[in-house]
Amino acid sequence: MSTESASGSVLLGANSFIAQRCSGINAQFMKCKAQNSDPAKCADLAKDVTDCAAGVIDFLQKTAGPQFENYVTCLNNNNQEFKACRAEFSALNEAANGKASQ
């Protein structure tokens, strides 16, 4: 799974981790967009948001790769329904958070 070509399922699978770890930069970007009608004024922040999300996906792949892959596969196989993949998410969350605290 390459970060450069992250599918919707990969992004969906990483969404709670992205939301948690990228909330600050995302808030700055959204504030910039609200204050500027020219998208170019927020381009650097947009890149920072993208870089943050890519970093989270890389982290998940490196530290909890099998669990992340299982969760993404479950989402793919279950019409992107989170409730169908709770066990896989729990395993991912445990693996990723265990590695993050070390």
Protein backbone atom coordinates (compact mmCIF):
# COMPACT_ATOMS: atom_id res chain seq x y z
CA MET A 1 0.00 0.00 0.00
CA SER A 2 1.70 3.18 -1.18
CA THR A 3 0.98 6.53 0.43
CA GLU A 4 1.16 8.26 -2.96
CA SER A 5 -1.81 6.28 -4.20
CA ALA A 6 -3.83 5.96 -1.02
CA SER A 7 -7.29 4.72 -1.91
CA GLY A 8 -10.47 5.94 -0.35
CA SER A 9 -10.52 2.80 1.79
CA VAL A 10 -7.01 3.50 3.07
CA LEU A 11 -7.97 7.07 3.94
CA LEU A 12 -11.19 5.87 5.55
CA GLY A 13 -9.27 3.25 7.51
CA ALA A 14 -6.85 5.86 8.78
CA ASN A 15 -9.44 8.59 9.37
CA SER A 16 -9.67 8.43 13.15
CA PHE A 17 -5.87 8.48 13.45
CA ILE A 18 -5.60 11.34 10.95
CA ALA A 19 -8.31 13.30 12.78
CA GLN A 20 -6.49 12.87 16.07
CA ARG A 21 -2.96 13.56 14.90
CA CYS A 22 -3.63 16.23 12.26
CA SER A 23 -6.36 18.23 13.96
CA GLY A 24 -4.19 21.29 14.63
CA ILE A 25 -2.92 21.75 11.08
CA ASN A 26 -6.34 20.94 9.67
CA ALA A 27 -7.94 23.63 11.85
CA GLN A 28 -5.37 26.16 10.64
CA PHE A 29 -6.11 25.21 7.02
CA MET A 30 -9.88 25.49 7.49
CA LYS A 31 -9.47 28.89 9.16
CA CYS A 32 -7.29 30.05 6.27
CA LYS A 33 -9.88 28.89 3.75
CA ALA A 34 -12.65 30.70 5.64
CA GLN A 35 -10.64 33.92 5.66
CA ASN A 36 -9.37 33.84 2.06
CA SER A 37 -11.25 33.51 -1.20
CA ASP A 38 -7.96 32.91 -3.04
CA PRO A 39 -7.04 29.20 -2.68
CA ALA A 40 -3.37 29.99 -3.37
CA LYS A 41 -3.13 31.79 -0.03
CA CYS A 42 -3.70 28.47 1.76
CA ALA A 43 -1.62 26.24 -0.51
CA ASP A 44 1.20 25.76 2.00
CA LEU A 45 -1.25 24.74 4.71
CA ALA A 46 -3.00 22.38 2.28
CA LYS A 47 0.34 20.70 1.63
CA ASP A 48 0.95 20.44 5.37
CA VAL A 49 -2.45 18.75 5.85
CA THR A 50 -1.65 16.28 3.07
CA ASP A 51 1.81 15.62 4.48
CA CYS A 52 0.37 15.02 7.93
CA ALA A 53 -2.19 12.51 6.62
CA ALA A 54 0.50 10.75 4.57
CA GLY A 55 2.69 10.59 7.67
CA VAL A 56 -0.10 8.97 9.66
CA ILE A 57 -0.68 6.38 6.92
CA ASP A 58 3.06 5.66 6.79
CA PHE A 59 3.10 5.27 10.58
CA LEU A 60 0.18 2.83 10.47
CA GLN A 61 1.77 0.81 7.69
CA LYS A 62 5.12 0.60 9.47
CA THR A 63 3.95 -0.02 13.03
CA ALA A 64 0.68 -1.90 12.57
CA GLY A 65 0.85 -3.01 8.94
CA PRO A 66 -1.03 -6.31 9.16
CA GLN A 67 -3.74 -4.85 11.39
CA PHE A 68 -4.12 -1.81 9.14
CA GLU A 69 -4.33 -4.02 6.05
CA ASN A 70 -6.94 -6.24 7.74
CA TYR A 71 -9.03 -3.23 8.70
CA VAL A 72 -8.88 -1.70 5.20
CA THR A 73 -9.76 -5.07 3.67
CA CYS A 74 -12.68 -5.44 6.06
CA LEU A 75 -13.97 -1.98 5.09
CA ASN A 76 -13.64 -2.90 1.41
CA ASN A 77 -15.49 -6.16 1.94
CA ASN A 78 -18.28 -4.61 4.01
CA ASN A 79 -19.34 -1.58 1.97
CA GLN A 80 -17.22 0.79 4.12
CA GLU A 81 -19.34 0.00 7.21
CA PHE A 82 -17.37 0.74 10.36
CA LYS A 83 -19.67 -1.34 12.55
CA ALA A 84 -18.88 -4.48 10.54
CA CYS A 85 -15.16 -4.02 11.26
CA ARG A 86 -15.05 -3.23 14.96
CA ALA A 87 -12.82 -6.19 15.82
CA GLU A 88 -10.32 -5.25 13.10
CA PHE A 89 -10.34 -1.61 14.22
CA SER A 90 -9.80 -2.63 17.82
CA ALA A 91 -6.76 -4.71 16.82
CA LEU A 92 -5.41 -1.81 14.73
CA ASN A 93 -5.98 0.71 17.48
CA GLU A 94 -4.25 -1.50 20.04
CA ALA A 95 -1.25 -2.14 17.76
CA ALA A 96 -0.90 1.49 16.65
CA ASN A 97 -1.34 3.02 20.08
CA GLY A 98 0.98 0.49 21.68
CA LYS A 99 3.70 1.48 19.19
CA ALA A 100 3.00 5.21 19.56
CA SER A 101 3.56 5.12 23.30
CA GLN A 102 6.87 3.27 23.10
